[in-house]
Amino acid sequence: MLTYKNIESEIEKCASMAELHTYRFQLDLYGSSCNGDPYVFIKINDQLFYDEKFSGHKTFVINETLAKNTQCNIIVGLKNKNVNSSNPNTIVKNDIIIKDQFVRIEDLKINQISLKKNDLYFWEHAKFLFDNSEQVLEKTDGAYYNGQFILSLPTPIFPYLSKHFNSQIENYNVDKTSLSAERRQELLKTVYD
């Protein structure tokens, strides 16, 4: 109940819930062609940022502002892949895939911090949802079928990731000012790549 005595704390609660955070998402993707380029789409939550075909290596940079205490869904999807046609996008010989159409996430960075290379939240929370099915693949790094790769992160993102950073850099005594140049460089490489 809002009263004269608690109005400031209630306003502060509302203001903190409305807090916005801006993030720079960088997705380094590799599109593999087979009888056509993969048709890829990229979304942050429900907002579509890319919806075209491409092949080879491509980097996408998305600046997005998200509210505190919401879910951030990073989605990389593949659509229109044919497997049962006369010109399939997957070529199989003797039960072995010879050539395939897919999009793989080579790296995913948020504010220049690599989630994939640093094993921060990426592998244990990445999943792939198949189109027209309830089937889910866990611990995947791309879209190899028609459907969506999804990585869900709570916001604000970095307080959660800082727990992982602490375990990554626990062998470094960052409180000491006498950290050598080599150790500083090694620490930065651990954190940022």
C-alpha atoms as a PDB file:
ATOM      1  CA  MET A   1       0.000   0.000   0.000  1.00  0.00           C
ATOM      2  CA  LEU A   2       1.326   3.397  -0.965  1.00  0.00           C
ATOM      3  CA  THR A   3       1.616   5.800   1.962  1.00  0.00           C
ATOM      4  CA  TYR A   4       3.310   9.094   2.662  1.00  0.00           C
ATOM      5  CA  LYS A   5       6.076   7.253   4.567  1.00  0.00           C
ATOM      6  CA  ASN A   6       6.942   4.743   1.830  1.00  0.00           C
ATOM      7  CA  ILE A   7       6.372   6.807  -1.319  1.00  0.00           C
ATOM      8  CA  GLU A   8      10.094   7.376  -1.956  1.00  0.00           C
ATOM      9  CA  SER A   9      10.968   3.696  -1.687  1.00  0.00           C
ATOM     10  CA  GLU A  10       8.039   2.750  -3.931  1.00  0.00           C
ATOM     11  CA  ILE A  11       9.089   5.301  -6.548  1.00  0.00           C
ATOM     12  CA  GLU A  12      12.652   3.975  -6.362  1.00  0.00           C
ATOM     13  CA  LYS A  13      11.395   0.399  -6.908  1.00  0.00           C
ATOM     14  CA  CYS A  14       9.394   1.462  -9.972  1.00  0.00           C
ATOM     15  CA  ALA A  15      12.322   3.444 -11.361  1.00  0.00           C
ATOM     16  CA  SER A  16      14.728   0.522 -10.926  1.00  0.00           C
ATOM     17  CA  MET A  17      12.296  -1.826 -12.686  1.00  0.00           C
ATOM     18  CA  ALA A  18      12.099   0.593 -15.619  1.00  0.00           C
ATOM     19  CA  GLU A  19      15.880   0.774 -15.869  1.00  0.00           C
ATOM     20  CA  LEU A  20      17.122   0.272 -19.418  1.00  0.00           C
ATOM     21  CA  HIS A  21      20.439  -1.235 -20.503  1.00  0.00           C
ATOM     22  CA  THR A  22      21.980  -0.880 -23.952  1.00  0.00           C
ATOM     23  CA  TYR A  23      23.902  -3.836 -25.346  1.00  0.00           C
ATOM     24  CA  ARG A  24      26.044  -4.357 -28.419  1.00  0.00           C
ATOM     25  CA  PHE A  25      25.448  -7.839 -29.790  1.00  0.00           C
ATOM     26  CA  GLN A  26      27.981  -9.139 -32.295  1.00  0.00           C
ATOM     27  CA  LEU A  27      27.182 -12.384 -34.068  1.00  0.00           C
ATOM     28  CA  ASP A  28      29.945 -13.918 -36.187  1.00  0.00           C
ATOM     29  CA  LEU A  29      28.161 -16.448 -38.392  1.00  0.00           C
ATOM     30  CA  TYR A  30      29.209 -18.958 -41.024  1.00  0.00           C
ATOM     31  CA  GLY A  31      26.670 -19.921 -43.679  1.00  0.00           C
ATOM     32  CA  SER A  32      27.303 -23.164 -45.567  1.00  0.00           C
ATOM     33  CA  SER A  33      25.715 -23.527 -49.006  1.00  0.00           C
ATOM     34  CA  CYS A  34      24.386 -26.682 -50.610  1.00  0.00           C
ATOM     35  CA  ASN A  35      22.197 -26.303 -53.700  1.00  0.00           C
ATOM     36  CA  GLY A  36      21.570 -22.743 -52.567  1.00  0.00           C
ATOM     37  CA  ASP A  37      22.563 -20.397 -49.778  1.00  0.00           C
ATOM     38  CA  PRO A  38      20.970 -20.731 -46.339  1.00  0.00           C
ATOM     39  CA  TYR A  39      18.024 -18.427 -45.648  1.00  0.00           C
ATOM     40  CA  VAL A  40      18.856 -16.941 -42.249  1.00  0.00           C
ATOM     41  CA  PHE A  41      16.974 -14.706 -39.855  1.00  0.00           C
ATOM     42  CA  ILE A  42      18.253 -12.965 -36.720  1.00  0.00           C
ATOM     43  CA  LYS A  43      16.070 -11.633 -33.940  1.00  0.00           C
ATOM     44  CA  ILE A  44      16.517 -10.185 -30.483  1.00  0.00           C
ATOM     45  CA  ASN A  45      13.300 -11.117 -28.681  1.00  0.00           C
ATOM     46  CA  ASP A  46      10.562 -10.398 -31.249  1.00  0.00           C
ATOM     47  CA  GLN A  47      12.433  -7.740 -33.221  1.00  0.00           C
ATOM     48  CA  LEU A  48      13.701  -8.938 -36.618  1.00  0.00           C
ATOM     49  CA  PHE A  49      17.129  -7.607 -37.646  1.00  0.00           C
ATOM     50  CA  TYR A  50      18.060  -9.800 -40.621  1.00  0.00           C
ATOM     51  CA  ASP A  51      16.027 -11.986 -42.977  1.00  0.00           C
ATOM     52  CA  GLU A  52      18.000 -12.964 -46.110  1.00  0.00           C
ATOM     53  CA  LYS A  53      20.222 -15.569 -47.711  1.00  0.00           C
ATOM     54  CA  PHE A  54      23.988 -15.493 -47.299  1.00  0.00           C
ATOM     55  CA  SER A  55      26.981 -17.802 -47.392  1.00  0.00           C
ATOM     56  CA  GLY A  56      30.476 -17.677 -45.992  1.00  0.00           C
ATOM     57  CA  HIS A  57      31.557 -15.660 -42.984  1.00  0.00           C
ATOM     58  CA  LYS A  58      29.497 -12.647 -42.004  1.00  0.00           C
ATOM     59  CA  THR A  59      29.409 -10.433 -38.905  1.00  0.00           C
ATOM     60  CA  PHE A  60      26.220  -8.818 -37.649  1.00  0.00           C
ATOM     61  CA  VAL A  61      26.297  -6.006 -35.080  1.00  0.00           C
ATOM     62  CA  ILE A  62      23.054  -5.137 -33.314  1.00  0.00           C
ATOM     63  CA  ASN A  63      22.668  -2.380 -30.728  1.00  0.00           C
ATOM     64  CA  GLU A  64      19.612  -3.007 -28.590  1.00  0.00           C
ATOM     65  CA  THR A  65      18.189  -1.465 -25.428  1.00  0.00           C
ATOM     66  CA  LEU A  66      16.477  -3.865 -23.051  1.00  0.00           C
ATOM     67  CA  ALA A  67      14.554  -3.324 -19.842  1.00  0.00           C
ATOM     68  CA  LYS A  68      15.786  -4.692 -16.542  1.00  0.00           C
ATOM     69  CA  ASN A  69      14.285  -7.986 -15.291  1.00  0.00           C
ATOM     70  CA  THR A  70      13.190  -9.175 -18.720  1.00  0.00           C
ATOM     71  CA  GLN A  71      14.381 -12.066 -20.851  1.00  0.00           C
ATOM     72  CA  CYS A  72      16.763 -11.453 -23.754  1.00  0.00           C
ATOM     73  CA  ASN A  73      16.287 -14.094 -26.449  1.00  0.00           C
ATOM     74  CA  ILE A  74      19.006 -14.100 -29.094  1.00  0.00           C
ATOM     75  CA  ILE A  75      17.607 -16.027 -32.055  1.00  0.00           C
ATOM     76  CA  VAL A  76      19.385 -17.254 -35.185  1.00  0.00           C
ATOM     77  CA  GLY A  77      17.079 -19.199 -37.466  1.00  0.00           C
ATOM     78  CA  LEU A  78      17.172 -21.171 -40.687  1.00  0.00           C
ATOM     79  CA  LYS A  79      14.190 -21.523 -43.003  1.00  0.00           C
ATOM     80  CA  ASN A  80      13.269 -22.970 -46.405  1.00  0.00           C
ATOM     81  CA  LYS A  81      15.814 -25.807 -46.203  1.00  0.00           C
ATOM     82  CA  ASN A  82      14.715 -28.718 -48.425  1.00  0.00           C
ATOM     83  CA  VAL A  83      15.733 -32.261 -47.581  1.00  0.00           C
ATOM     84  CA  ASN A  84      13.127 -34.258 -49.502  1.00  0.00           C
ATOM     85  CA  SER A  85      13.292 -32.730 -52.970  1.00  0.00           C
ATOM     86  CA  SER A  86      15.056 -33.522 -56.228  1.00  0.00           C
ATOM     87  CA  ASN A  87      17.529 -30.745 -55.371  1.00  0.00           C
ATOM     88  CA  PRO A  88      18.052 -31.215 -51.602  1.00  0.00           C
ATOM     89  CA  ASN A  89      20.024 -28.881 -49.348  1.00  0.00           C
ATOM     90  CA  THR A  90      21.606 -31.875 -47.614  1.00  0.00           C
ATOM     91  CA  ILE A  91      23.514 -34.437 -49.656  1.00  0.00           C
ATOM     92  CA  VAL A  92      23.925 -37.827 -47.999  1.00  0.00           C
ATOM     93  CA  LYS A  93      25.999 -40.712 -49.341  1.00  0.00           C
ATOM     94  CA  ASN A  94      26.278 -44.048 -47.492  1.00  0.00           C
ATOM     95  CA  ASP A  95      24.550 -42.497 -44.435  1.00  0.00           C
ATOM     96  CA  ILE A  96      27.215 -39.764 -44.235  1.00  0.00           C
ATOM     97  CA  ILE A  97      26.470 -36.088 -44.897  1.00  0.00           C
ATOM     98  CA  ILE A  98      28.704 -35.037 -47.783  1.00  0.00           C
ATOM     99  CA  LYS A  99      27.470 -31.448 -48.111  1.00  0.00           C
ATOM    100  CA  ASP A 100      24.951 -29.506 -46.046  1.00  0.00           C
ATOM    101  CA  GLN A 101      23.217 -26.146 -45.795  1.00  0.00           C
ATOM    102  CA  PHE A 102      23.391 -24.568 -42.323  1.00  0.00           C
ATOM    103  CA  VAL A 103      24.361 -21.499 -40.331  1.00  0.00           C
ATOM    104  CA  ARG A 104      26.823 -21.876 -37.443  1.00  0.00           C
ATOM    105  CA  ILE A 105      27.589 -19.329 -34.743  1.00  0.00           C
ATOM    106  CA  GLU A 106      31.347 -18.902 -34.805  1.00  0.00           C
ATOM    107  CA  ASP A 107      31.207 -16.382 -31.962  1.00  0.00           C
ATOM    108  CA  LEU A 108      28.641 -14.406 -30.002  1.00  0.00           C
ATOM    109  CA  LYS A 109      29.822 -11.285 -28.189  1.00  0.00           C
ATOM    110  CA  ILE A 110      27.905  -8.933 -25.970  1.00  0.00           C
ATOM    111  CA  ASN A 111      29.692  -5.613 -25.369  1.00  0.00           C
ATOM    112  CA  GLN A 112      32.879  -7.205 -26.768  1.00  0.00           C
ATOM    113  CA  ILE A 113      32.773 -10.141 -24.344  1.00  0.00           C
ATOM    114  CA  SER A 114      32.726 -13.508 -26.075  1.00  0.00           C
ATOM    115  CA  LEU A 115      30.113 -15.830 -24.634  1.00  0.00           C
ATOM    116  CA  LYS A 116      31.092 -18.782 -26.816  1.00  0.00           C
ATOM    117  CA  LYS A 117      34.882 -18.626 -26.547  1.00  0.00           C
ATOM    118  CA  ASN A 118      34.787 -17.949 -22.801  1.00  0.00           C
ATOM    119  CA  ASP A 119      32.120 -20.599 -22.279  1.00  0.00           C
ATOM    120  CA  LEU A 120      29.901 -18.059 -20.557  1.00  0.00           C
ATOM    121  CA  TYR A 121      26.328 -19.285 -20.431  1.00  0.00           C
ATOM    122  CA  PHE A 122      26.515 -20.287 -24.101  1.00  0.00           C
ATOM    123  CA  TRP A 123      26.741 -24.079 -24.165  1.00  0.00           C
ATOM    124  CA  GLU A 124      24.585 -24.886 -21.149  1.00  0.00           C
ATOM    125  CA  HIS A 125      21.714 -22.599 -22.207  1.00  0.00           C
ATOM    126  CA  ALA A 126      21.751 -22.739 -26.018  1.00  0.00           C
ATOM    127  CA  LYS A 127      18.997 -24.778 -27.596  1.00  0.00           C
ATOM    128  CA  PHE A 128      17.533 -25.403 -31.013  1.00  0.00           C
ATOM    129  CA  LEU A 129      13.788 -25.590 -31.609  1.00  0.00           C
ATOM    130  CA  PHE A 130      12.690 -27.423 -34.749  1.00  0.00           C
ATOM    131  CA  ASP A 131       9.976 -25.872 -36.919  1.00  0.00           C
ATOM    132  CA  ASN A 132       6.612 -27.665 -36.705  1.00  0.00           C
ATOM    133  CA  SER A 133       7.824 -29.914 -33.908  1.00  0.00           C
ATOM    134  CA  GLU A 134       8.285 -29.927 -30.157  1.00  0.00           C
ATOM    135  CA  GLN A 135      11.718 -31.508 -30.572  1.00  0.00           C
ATOM    136  CA  VAL A 136      14.578 -29.576 -28.924  1.00  0.00           C
ATOM    137  CA  LEU A 137      18.329 -29.983 -29.339  1.00  0.00           C
ATOM    138  CA  GLU A 138      20.495 -28.937 -26.387  1.00  0.00           C
ATOM    139  CA  LYS A 139      24.072 -27.653 -26.474  1.00  0.00           C
ATOM    140  CA  THR A 140      24.145 -26.614 -30.108  1.00  0.00           C
ATOM    141  CA  ASP A 141      26.000 -23.811 -31.860  1.00  0.00           C
ATOM    142  CA  GLY A 142      23.791 -23.038 -34.822  1.00  0.00           C
ATOM    143  CA  ALA A 143      20.848 -23.839 -37.055  1.00  0.00           C
ATOM    144  CA  TYR A 144      21.397 -27.071 -38.949  1.00  0.00           C
ATOM    145  CA  TYR A 145      17.702 -27.690 -39.649  1.00  0.00           C
ATOM    146  CA  ASN A 146      14.649 -25.527 -40.246  1.00  0.00           C
ATOM    147  CA  GLY A 147      14.044 -23.836 -36.920  1.00  0.00           C
ATOM    148  CA  GLN A 148      15.599 -21.520 -34.369  1.00  0.00           C
ATOM    149  CA  PHE A 149      18.771 -21.460 -32.304  1.00  0.00           C
ATOM    150  CA  ILE A 150      17.866 -19.627 -29.092  1.00  0.00           C
ATOM    151  CA  LEU A 151      20.057 -18.333 -26.298  1.00  0.00           C
ATOM    152  CA  SER A 152      18.022 -16.854 -23.432  1.00  0.00           C
ATOM    153  CA  LEU A 153      19.695 -14.496 -20.986  1.00  0.00           C
ATOM    154  CA  PRO A 154      18.202 -12.638 -18.018  1.00  0.00           C
ATOM    155  CA  THR A 155      18.601  -8.867 -17.933  1.00  0.00           C
ATOM    156  CA  PRO A 156      20.611  -7.077 -16.888  1.00  0.00           C
ATOM    157  CA  ILE A 157      22.978  -9.485 -18.617  1.00  0.00           C
ATOM    158  CA  PHE A 158      26.285  -8.578 -17.006  1.00  0.00           C
ATOM    159  CA  PRO A 159      25.565  -9.092 -13.312  1.00  0.00           C
ATOM    160  CA  TYR A 160      24.781 -12.703 -14.214  1.00  0.00           C
ATOM    161  CA  LEU A 161      27.844 -13.057 -16.430  1.00  0.00           C
ATOM    162  CA  SER A 162      30.090 -11.533 -13.777  1.00  0.00           C
ATOM    163  CA  LYS A 163      29.603 -14.702 -11.696  1.00  0.00           C
ATOM    164  CA  HIS A 164      31.089 -16.663 -14.587  1.00  0.00           C
ATOM    165  CA  PHE A 165      33.909 -14.130 -15.019  1.00  0.00           C
ATOM    166  CA  ASN A 166      34.874 -14.514 -11.389  1.00  0.00           C
ATOM    167  CA  SER A 167      35.370 -18.227 -11.881  1.00  0.00           C
ATOM    168  CA  GLN A 168      37.288 -17.617 -15.151  1.00  0.00           C
ATOM    169  CA  ILE A 169      39.728 -15.152 -13.581  1.00  0.00           C
ATOM    170  CA  GLU A 170      40.001 -16.534 -10.049  1.00  0.00           C
ATOM    171  CA  ASN A 171      43.682 -17.394 -10.609  1.00  0.00           C
ATOM    172  CA  TYR A 172      44.451 -13.726 -11.184  1.00  0.00           C
ATOM    173  CA  ASN A 173      44.971 -11.388  -8.256  1.00  0.00           C
ATOM    174  CA  VAL A 174      43.491  -8.286  -9.863  1.00  0.00           C
ATOM    175  CA  ASP A 175      43.543  -6.321  -6.609  1.00  0.00           C
ATOM    176  CA  LYS A 176      47.318  -5.972  -6.697  1.00  0.00           C
ATOM    177  CA  THR A 177      48.660  -2.993  -8.595  1.00  0.00           C
ATOM    178  CA  SER A 178      51.851  -4.856  -9.477  1.00  0.00           C
ATOM    179  CA  LEU A 179      50.208  -7.082 -12.097  1.00  0.00           C
ATOM    180  CA  SER A 180      52.844  -7.471 -14.833  1.00  0.00           C
ATOM    181  CA  ALA A 181      52.159  -6.427 -18.418  1.00  0.00           C
ATOM    182  CA  GLU A 182      52.149 -10.081 -19.520  1.00  0.00           C
ATOM    183  CA  ARG A 183      49.650 -11.060 -16.807  1.00  0.00           C
ATOM    184  CA  ARG A 184      47.437  -8.039 -17.666  1.00  0.00           C
ATOM    185  CA  GLN A 185      47.471  -9.066 -21.336  1.00  0.00           C
ATOM    186  CA  GLU A 186      46.661 -12.663 -20.397  1.00  0.00           C
ATOM    187  CA  LEU A 187      43.840 -11.472 -18.129  1.00  0.00           C
ATOM    188  CA  LEU A 188      42.352  -9.314 -20.898  1.00  0.00           C
ATOM    189  CA  LYS A 189      42.564 -12.222 -23.333  1.00  0.00           C
ATOM    190  CA  THR A 190      40.774 -14.460 -20.820  1.00  0.00           C
ATOM    191  CA  VAL A 191      37.978 -11.957 -20.317  1.00  0.00           C
ATOM    192  CA  TYR A 192      37.497 -10.567 -23.812  1.00  0.00           C
ATOM    193  CA  ASP A 193      38.369 -13.465 -26.107  1.00  0.00           C
END
